Amino acid sequence: MLHEVTVENRTGFDLHFLYFSPGDSDLWGPDILGSRGVLSRGEAARFFVSLPDAGESFDLLAMGRARNAYELRDLRVPGGGRSRIVLRFDHFSGVGPSFVHARLQLRNLVPEAIRYAFFSPRDSGAWGVDLLGRRRVLATGAILEFLVPVARFRTGYDVLAVGASGRWYQFGVEVSRSRDFYRWAIEPTDAVDPPRRPDPRRGPPESPEPDRRPEEPPLLPDLPLPPPV
């Protein structure tokens, strides 16, 4: 199911990195703010997360330019509805990790807009955060750019894009410290069908409340997400 999460910055400082990762992963995953994003003081970031089970736990790490870190562990996200997290200065956890980031690009080469884009560490049973945010879509030919902290070892990720028609596009990638820039394309040949025996850890997601976007087509089909690659 899909759940809307709002993170409000009340730390008194601008935040340049925001990670919201499934609790079953050893990796922080992509930076929600993107390669050029900043969550200014007083502002809020809204995004959807995909929950394989109600009550899934997540870990949050936010950092400013000087690596001033604000960390919350084992956040319980209930199934359905919305959650609001207010980051305050008393959540300060010291100097954050000095990540080595890789810049990643996903280009949409399918003949429809992409409504959701998940980039999930392969060690997680959840698809995690939708990188397109609450009101963005990735038009045909457009590029989504974001940052990912690179581990010391070669790491596998699963990419899942959901088109406006409800079609799924899925493929696997690997990231290592041998490169600091990657570019992949979402192509028609990446389309996948619903599995006969879906992995119960990664589905089924549900659309947000239907009255949220009444003028638009359904966000997701009434079927489980495909299992990881």
C-alpha atoms as a PDB file:
ATOM      1  CA  MET A   1       0.000   0.000   0.000  1.00  0.00           C
ATOM      2  CA  LEU A   2       1.028   3.620  -0.461  1.00  0.00           C
ATOM      3  CA  HIS A   3       1.360   5.997   2.472  1.00  0.00           C
ATOM      4  CA  GLU A   4       2.015   9.737   2.359  1.00  0.00           C
ATOM      5  CA  VAL A   5       4.785  11.029   4.630  1.00  0.00           C
ATOM      6  CA  THR A   6       5.514  14.691   5.358  1.00  0.00           C
ATOM      7  CA  VAL A   7       8.862  15.709   6.858  1.00  0.00           C
ATOM      8  CA  GLU A   8       8.894  19.271   8.180  1.00  0.00           C
ATOM      9  CA  ASN A   9      12.185  21.052   8.830  1.00  0.00           C
ATOM     10  CA  ARG A  10      12.036  22.877  12.168  1.00  0.00           C
ATOM     11  CA  THR A  11      15.737  22.444  12.996  1.00  0.00           C
ATOM     12  CA  GLY A  12      16.584  26.101  12.326  1.00  0.00           C
ATOM     13  CA  PHE A  13      18.996  25.103   9.544  1.00  0.00           C
ATOM     14  CA  ASP A  14      18.683  24.280   5.861  1.00  0.00           C
ATOM     15  CA  LEU A  15      18.892  20.557   5.108  1.00  0.00           C
ATOM     16  CA  HIS A  16      20.750  19.386   2.005  1.00  0.00           C
ATOM     17  CA  PHE A  17      20.284  15.620   2.332  1.00  0.00           C
ATOM     18  CA  LEU A  18      17.283  13.564   3.405  1.00  0.00           C
ATOM     19  CA  TYR A  19      17.244   9.767   3.545  1.00  0.00           C
ATOM     20  CA  PHE A  20      14.160   7.763   4.525  1.00  0.00           C
ATOM     21  CA  SER A  21      15.013   4.100   4.253  1.00  0.00           C
ATOM     22  CA  PRO A  22      13.234   0.833   5.139  1.00  0.00           C
ATOM     23  CA  GLY A  23      14.360  -0.458   8.501  1.00  0.00           C
ATOM     24  CA  ASP A  24      15.287  -3.881   7.095  1.00  0.00           C
ATOM     25  CA  SER A  25      18.051  -2.422   4.894  1.00  0.00           C
ATOM     26  CA  ASP A  26      21.681  -1.873   5.862  1.00  0.00           C
ATOM     27  CA  LEU A  27      21.878   1.029   3.371  1.00  0.00           C
ATOM     28  CA  TRP A  28      20.428   4.521   3.474  1.00  0.00           C
ATOM     29  CA  GLY A  29      19.303   4.468  -0.156  1.00  0.00           C
ATOM     30  CA  PRO A  30      18.782   7.543  -2.363  1.00  0.00           C
ATOM     31  CA  ASP A  31      18.624  11.145  -1.217  1.00  0.00           C
ATOM     32  CA  ILE A  32      14.960  12.167  -1.435  1.00  0.00           C
ATOM     33  CA  LEU A  33      15.823  15.814  -2.106  1.00  0.00           C
ATOM     34  CA  GLY A  34      17.560  14.977  -5.400  1.00  0.00           C
ATOM     35  CA  SER A  35      20.914  16.177  -6.676  1.00  0.00           C
ATOM     36  CA  ARG A  36      20.011  19.894  -6.404  1.00  0.00           C
ATOM     37  CA  GLY A  37      17.372  19.919  -3.690  1.00  0.00           C
ATOM     38  CA  VAL A  38      17.393  21.767  -0.386  1.00  0.00           C
ATOM     39  CA  LEU A  39      14.802  21.528   2.374  1.00  0.00           C
ATOM     40  CA  SER A  40      14.957  25.063   3.767  1.00  0.00           C
ATOM     41  CA  ARG A  41      14.125  25.852   7.362  1.00  0.00           C
ATOM     42  CA  GLY A  42      10.383  25.867   7.872  1.00  0.00           C
ATOM     43  CA  GLU A  43       9.664  23.971   4.661  1.00  0.00           C
ATOM     44  CA  ALA A  44       8.225  20.472   4.305  1.00  0.00           C
ATOM     45  CA  ALA A  45       8.940  17.565   1.940  1.00  0.00           C
ATOM     46  CA  ARG A  46       6.043  15.281   0.975  1.00  0.00           C
ATOM     47  CA  PHE A  47       6.462  11.881  -0.601  1.00  0.00           C
ATOM     48  CA  PHE A  48       4.890   8.436  -0.839  1.00  0.00           C
ATOM     49  CA  VAL A  49       6.355   5.238   0.574  1.00  0.00           C
ATOM     50  CA  SER A  50       5.363   1.717  -0.448  1.00  0.00           C
ATOM     51  CA  LEU A  51       4.614  -0.542   2.488  1.00  0.00           C
ATOM     52  CA  PRO A  52       4.690  -4.330   2.123  1.00  0.00           C
ATOM     53  CA  ASP A  53       3.096  -4.640   5.557  1.00  0.00           C
ATOM     54  CA  ALA A  54       1.184  -2.315   7.861  1.00  0.00           C
ATOM     55  CA  GLY A  55       3.398  -0.839  10.559  1.00  0.00           C
ATOM     56  CA  GLU A  56       6.612  -1.033   8.525  1.00  0.00           C
ATOM     57  CA  SER A  57       9.564   0.673  10.252  1.00  0.00           C
ATOM     58  CA  PHE A  58      11.791   3.264   8.590  1.00  0.00           C
ATOM     59  CA  ASP A  59      14.963   5.123   9.527  1.00  0.00           C
ATOM     60  CA  LEU A  60      15.398   8.829   8.806  1.00  0.00           C
ATOM     61  CA  LEU A  61      18.642  10.764   8.398  1.00  0.00           C
ATOM     62  CA  ALA A  62      18.770  14.450   7.484  1.00  0.00           C
ATOM     63  CA  MET A  63      21.959  16.480   7.143  1.00  0.00           C
ATOM     64  CA  GLY A  64      22.906  20.077   6.520  1.00  0.00           C
ATOM     65  CA  ARG A  65      25.796  21.315   4.407  1.00  0.00           C
ATOM     66  CA  ALA A  66      28.196  21.077   7.369  1.00  0.00           C
ATOM     67  CA  ARG A  67      27.066  17.459   8.039  1.00  0.00           C
ATOM     68  CA  ASN A  68      24.989  18.493  11.056  1.00  0.00           C
ATOM     69  CA  ALA A  69      22.867  15.384  11.341  1.00  0.00           C
ATOM     70  CA  TYR A  70      19.356  14.681  12.617  1.00  0.00           C
ATOM     71  CA  GLU A  71      18.600  10.987  12.910  1.00  0.00           C
ATOM     72  CA  LEU A  72      15.480   9.075  13.884  1.00  0.00           C
ATOM     73  CA  ARG A  73      15.427   5.286  14.017  1.00  0.00           C
ATOM     74  CA  ASP A  74      12.646   2.713  13.933  1.00  0.00           C
ATOM     75  CA  LEU A  75       9.875   5.073  12.870  1.00  0.00           C
ATOM     76  CA  ARG A  76       6.629   3.122  12.610  1.00  0.00           C
ATOM     77  CA  VAL A  77       4.591   3.994   9.539  1.00  0.00           C
ATOM     78  CA  PRO A  78       1.000   2.709   9.748  1.00  0.00           C
ATOM     79  CA  GLY A  79      -0.719   1.337   6.682  1.00  0.00           C
ATOM     80  CA  GLY A  80      -2.858   3.850   4.771  1.00  0.00           C
ATOM     81  CA  GLY A  81      -3.447   7.498   5.576  1.00  0.00           C
ATOM     82  CA  ARG A  82      -0.734  10.053   6.232  1.00  0.00           C
ATOM     83  CA  SER A  83       2.124  10.625   8.667  1.00  0.00           C
ATOM     84  CA  ARG A  84       3.838  13.854   9.670  1.00  0.00           C
ATOM     85  CA  ILE A  85       7.366  14.000  11.084  1.00  0.00           C
ATOM     86  CA  VAL A  86       8.635  17.293  12.524  1.00  0.00           C
ATOM     87  CA  LEU A  87      12.423  17.510  12.692  1.00  0.00           C
ATOM     88  CA  ARG A  88      13.564  19.800  15.509  1.00  0.00           C
ATOM     89  CA  PHE A  89      16.958  20.886  16.764  1.00  0.00           C
ATOM     90  CA  ASP A  90      16.657  18.522  19.735  1.00  0.00           C
ATOM     91  CA  HIS A  91      16.861  15.654  17.207  1.00  0.00           C
ATOM     92  CA  PHE A  92      20.471  16.713  16.523  1.00  0.00           C
ATOM     93  CA  SER A  93      22.661  13.596  16.614  1.00  0.00           C
ATOM     94  CA  GLY A  94      26.112  15.089  15.996  1.00  0.00           C
ATOM     95  CA  VAL A  95      28.272  15.151  12.905  1.00  0.00           C
ATOM     96  CA  GLY A  96      26.829  12.875  10.253  1.00  0.00           C
ATOM     97  CA  PRO A  97      28.637  10.336   8.085  1.00  0.00           C
ATOM     98  CA  SER A  98      30.874  11.543   5.280  1.00  0.00           C
ATOM     99  CA  PHE A  99      29.138   9.796   2.408  1.00  0.00           C
ATOM    100  CA  VAL A 100      30.639   9.206  -1.012  1.00  0.00           C
ATOM    101  CA  HIS A 101      27.765   9.909  -3.392  1.00  0.00           C
ATOM    102  CA  ALA A 102      27.151   8.788  -6.937  1.00  0.00           C
ATOM    103  CA  ARG A 103      24.947  10.872  -9.233  1.00  0.00           C
ATOM    104  CA  LEU A 104      22.297   8.760 -10.935  1.00  0.00           C
ATOM    105  CA  GLN A 105      19.948   9.529 -13.812  1.00  0.00           C
ATOM    106  CA  LEU A 106      16.834   7.683 -14.972  1.00  0.00           C
ATOM    107  CA  ARG A 107      15.525   8.681 -18.406  1.00  0.00           C
ATOM    108  CA  ASN A 108      11.983   7.842 -19.437  1.00  0.00           C
ATOM    109  CA  LEU A 109      11.959   6.260 -22.899  1.00  0.00           C
ATOM    110  CA  VAL A 110       8.516   4.644 -22.672  1.00  0.00           C
ATOM    111  CA  PRO A 111       5.516   6.195 -24.497  1.00  0.00           C
ATOM    112  CA  GLU A 112       3.755   7.310 -21.329  1.00  0.00           C
ATOM    113  CA  ALA A 113       4.439   9.435 -18.282  1.00  0.00           C
ATOM    114  CA  ILE A 114       5.900   7.739 -15.214  1.00  0.00           C
ATOM    115  CA  ARG A 115       3.858   8.331 -12.064  1.00  0.00           C
ATOM    116  CA  TYR A 116       6.079   6.551  -9.523  1.00  0.00           C
ATOM    117  CA  ALA A 117       9.794   5.724  -9.489  1.00  0.00           C
ATOM    118  CA  PHE A 118      11.269   3.481  -6.788  1.00  0.00           C
ATOM    119  CA  PHE A 119      14.999   2.831  -6.371  1.00  0.00           C
ATOM    120  CA  SER A 120      15.355   0.234  -3.645  1.00  0.00           C
ATOM    121  CA  PRO A 121      18.425  -1.472  -2.119  1.00  0.00           C
ATOM    122  CA  ARG A 122      18.255  -5.145  -2.948  1.00  0.00           C
ATOM    123  CA  ASP A 123      18.678  -6.149   0.691  1.00  0.00           C
ATOM    124  CA  SER A 124      15.277  -4.654   1.547  1.00  0.00           C
ATOM    125  CA  GLY A 125      11.878  -6.297   1.316  1.00  0.00           C
ATOM    126  CA  ALA A 126      10.181  -2.911   0.741  1.00  0.00           C
ATOM    127  CA  TRP A 127      10.209  -0.650  -2.312  1.00  0.00           C
ATOM    128  CA  GLY A 128      10.700   2.366  -0.068  1.00  0.00           C
ATOM    129  CA  VAL A 129      10.275   5.967  -1.230  1.00  0.00           C
ATOM    130  CA  ASP A 130       8.801   7.205  -4.500  1.00  0.00           C
ATOM    131  CA  LEU A 131      11.457   9.594  -5.842  1.00  0.00           C
ATOM    132  CA  LEU A 132       9.026  11.609  -7.947  1.00  0.00           C
ATOM    133  CA  GLY A 133       7.328  13.125  -4.933  1.00  0.00           C
ATOM    134  CA  ARG A 134       3.669  13.877  -4.367  1.00  0.00           C
ATOM    135  CA  ARG A 135       2.797  15.852  -7.518  1.00  0.00           C
ATOM    136  CA  ARG A 136       5.587  15.218 -10.017  1.00  0.00           C
ATOM    137  CA  VAL A 137       5.531  12.957 -13.057  1.00  0.00           C
ATOM    138  CA  LEU A 138       8.361  11.949 -15.381  1.00  0.00           C
ATOM    139  CA  ALA A 139       7.277  12.754 -18.945  1.00  0.00           C
ATOM    140  CA  THR A 140       8.514  10.787 -21.956  1.00  0.00           C
ATOM    141  CA  GLY A 141      12.083  11.865 -22.670  1.00  0.00           C
ATOM    142  CA  ALA A 142      12.519  13.528 -19.257  1.00  0.00           C
ATOM    143  CA  ILE A 143      15.315  12.686 -16.807  1.00  0.00           C
ATOM    144  CA  LEU A 144      15.113  12.084 -13.065  1.00  0.00           C
ATOM    145  CA  GLU A 145      18.393  12.799 -11.278  1.00  0.00           C
ATOM    146  CA  PHE A 146      19.244  11.895  -7.693  1.00  0.00           C
ATOM    147  CA  LEU A 147      22.140  10.993  -5.386  1.00  0.00           C
ATOM    148  CA  VAL A 148      22.899   7.676  -3.703  1.00  0.00           C
ATOM    149  CA  PRO A 149      25.511   7.077  -0.978  1.00  0.00           C
ATOM    150  CA  VAL A 150      27.904   4.458  -2.335  1.00  0.00           C
ATOM    151  CA  ALA A 151      28.949   1.618  -0.054  1.00  0.00           C
ATOM    152  CA  ARG A 152      32.478   0.243   0.024  1.00  0.00           C
ATOM    153  CA  PHE A 153      31.269  -2.868  -1.756  1.00  0.00           C
ATOM    154  CA  ARG A 154      29.386  -3.250  -5.026  1.00  0.00           C
ATOM    155  CA  THR A 155      25.685  -2.856  -4.267  1.00  0.00           C
ATOM    156  CA  GLY A 156      22.613  -4.027  -6.141  1.00  0.00           C
ATOM    157  CA  TYR A 157      19.443  -1.973  -6.470  1.00  0.00           C
ATOM    158  CA  ASP A 158      16.022  -2.618  -7.991  1.00  0.00           C
ATOM    159  CA  VAL A 159      14.343   0.023 -10.150  1.00  0.00           C
ATOM    160  CA  LEU A 160      10.553   0.011 -10.450  1.00  0.00           C
ATOM    161  CA  ALA A 161       8.694   2.638 -12.495  1.00  0.00           C
ATOM    162  CA  VAL A 162       4.902   2.791 -12.694  1.00  0.00           C
ATOM    163  CA  GLY A 163       3.366   4.389 -15.779  1.00  0.00           C
ATOM    164  CA  ALA A 164       0.184   6.449 -15.970  1.00  0.00           C
ATOM    165  CA  SER A 165      -1.540   3.408 -17.490  1.00  0.00           C
ATOM    166  CA  GLY A 166      -0.623   1.290 -14.458  1.00  0.00           C
ATOM    167  CA  ARG A 167       2.038  -0.669 -16.375  1.00  0.00           C
ATOM    168  CA  TRP A 168       5.183  -1.642 -14.441  1.00  0.00           C
ATOM    169  CA  TYR A 169       8.752  -1.309 -15.708  1.00  0.00           C
ATOM    170  CA  GLN A 170      11.424  -3.073 -13.679  1.00  0.00           C
ATOM    171  CA  PHE A 171      15.150  -3.803 -13.901  1.00  0.00           C
ATOM    172  CA  GLY A 172      18.193  -4.283 -11.674  1.00  0.00           C
ATOM    173  CA  VAL A 173      21.371  -2.192 -11.501  1.00  0.00           C
ATOM    174  CA  GLU A 174      24.630  -2.142  -9.568  1.00  0.00           C
ATOM    175  CA  VAL A 175      26.549   0.792  -8.097  1.00  0.00           C
ATOM    176  CA  SER A 176      30.148   0.864  -6.893  1.00  0.00           C
ATOM    177  CA  ARG A 177      32.864   3.383  -6.054  1.00  0.00           C
ATOM    178  CA  SER A 178      34.524   2.796  -9.407  1.00  0.00           C
ATOM    179  CA  ARG A 179      32.205   5.448 -10.901  1.00  0.00           C
ATOM    180  CA  ASP A 180      30.539   8.611  -9.612  1.00  0.00           C
ATOM    181  CA  PHE A 181      27.937   8.938 -12.396  1.00  0.00           C
ATOM    182  CA  TYR A 182      25.412   6.444 -13.804  1.00  0.00           C
ATOM    183  CA  ARG A 183      22.692   6.786 -16.425  1.00  0.00           C
ATOM    184  CA  TRP A 184      19.981   4.245 -17.176  1.00  0.00           C
ATOM    185  CA  ALA A 185      16.875   4.315 -19.335  1.00  0.00           C
ATOM    186  CA  ILE A 186      13.363   3.062 -18.583  1.00  0.00           C
ATOM    187  CA  GLU A 187      12.504   1.269 -21.817  1.00  0.00           C
ATOM    188  CA  PRO A 188       9.440  -0.570 -23.183  1.00  0.00           C
ATOM    189  CA  THR A 189      11.346  -3.869 -22.934  1.00  0.00           C
ATOM    190  CA  ASP A 190      11.495  -3.383 -19.135  1.00  0.00           C
ATOM    191  CA  ALA A 191       7.726  -3.909 -18.859  1.00  0.00           C
ATOM    192  CA  VAL A 192       6.772  -6.740 -16.507  1.00  0.00           C
ATOM    193  CA  ASP A 193       3.545  -8.624 -15.876  1.00  0.00           C
ATOM    194  CA  PRO A 194       2.079  -9.311 -12.440  1.00  0.00           C
ATOM    195  CA  PRO A 195       3.711 -12.464 -11.057  1.00  0.00           C
ATOM    196  CA  ARG A 196       1.624 -15.567 -10.389  1.00  0.00           C
ATOM    197  CA  ARG A 197       3.181 -15.902  -6.959  1.00  0.00           C
ATOM    198  CA  PRO A 198       4.162 -12.372  -5.863  1.00  0.00           C
ATOM    199  CA  ASP A 199       6.730 -11.835  -3.184  1.00  0.00           C
ATOM    200  CA  PRO A 200       4.556 -10.950  -0.161  1.00  0.00           C
ATOM    201  CA  ARG A 201       7.198  -8.541   1.121  1.00  0.00           C
ATOM    202  CA  ARG A 202       6.692  -6.108  -1.767  1.00  0.00           C
ATOM    203  CA  GLY A 203       2.963  -5.838  -2.272  1.00  0.00           C
ATOM    204  CA  PRO A 204       0.241  -5.160  -2.712  1.00  0.00           C
ATOM    205  CA  PRO A 205       0.394  -1.346  -2.697  1.00  0.00           C
ATOM    206  CA  GLU A 206      -2.804   0.626  -2.804  1.00  0.00           C
ATOM    207  CA  SER A 207      -3.527   4.023  -4.288  1.00  0.00           C
ATOM    208  CA  PRO A 208      -3.935   7.054  -2.016  1.00  0.00           C
ATOM    209  CA  GLU A 209      -7.467   8.145  -1.264  1.00  0.00           C
ATOM    210  CA  PRO A 210      -9.283   8.369  -4.623  1.00  0.00           C
ATOM    211  CA  ASP A 211     -10.583  11.886  -3.943  1.00  0.00           C
ATOM    212  CA  ARG A 212      -7.017  13.201  -3.860  1.00  0.00           C
ATOM    213  CA  ARG A 213      -6.633  13.214  -7.662  1.00  0.00           C
ATOM    214  CA  PRO A 214     -10.123  12.708  -9.106  1.00  0.00           C
ATOM    215  CA  GLU A 215      -9.243  14.089 -12.532  1.00  0.00           C
ATOM    216  CA  GLU A 216      -6.407  11.623 -13.139  1.00  0.00           C
ATOM    217  CA  PRO A 217      -6.277   7.889 -13.964  1.00  0.00           C
ATOM    218  CA  PRO A 218      -5.747   5.344 -11.164  1.00  0.00           C
ATOM    219  CA  LEU A 219      -2.252   5.565  -9.710  1.00  0.00           C
ATOM    220  CA  LEU A 220      -1.647   1.842  -9.428  1.00  0.00           C
ATOM    221  CA  PRO A 221      -3.499  -1.248 -10.626  1.00  0.00           C
ATOM    222  CA  ASP A 222      -5.261  -3.369  -8.059  1.00  0.00           C
ATOM    223  CA  LEU A 223      -2.458  -5.947  -8.215  1.00  0.00           C
ATOM    224  CA  PRO A 224       0.729  -6.655  -6.243  1.00  0.00           C
ATOM    225  CA  LEU A 225       3.974  -4.999  -7.231  1.00  0.00           C
ATOM    226  CA  PRO A 226       6.355  -7.377  -8.976  1.00  0.00           C
ATOM    227  CA  PRO A 227       9.034  -9.073  -6.877  1.00  0.00           C
ATOM    228  CA  PRO A 228      12.663  -7.846  -6.907  1.00  0.00           C
ATOM    229  CA  VAL A 229      14.911  -8.793  -9.803  1.00  0.00           C
END
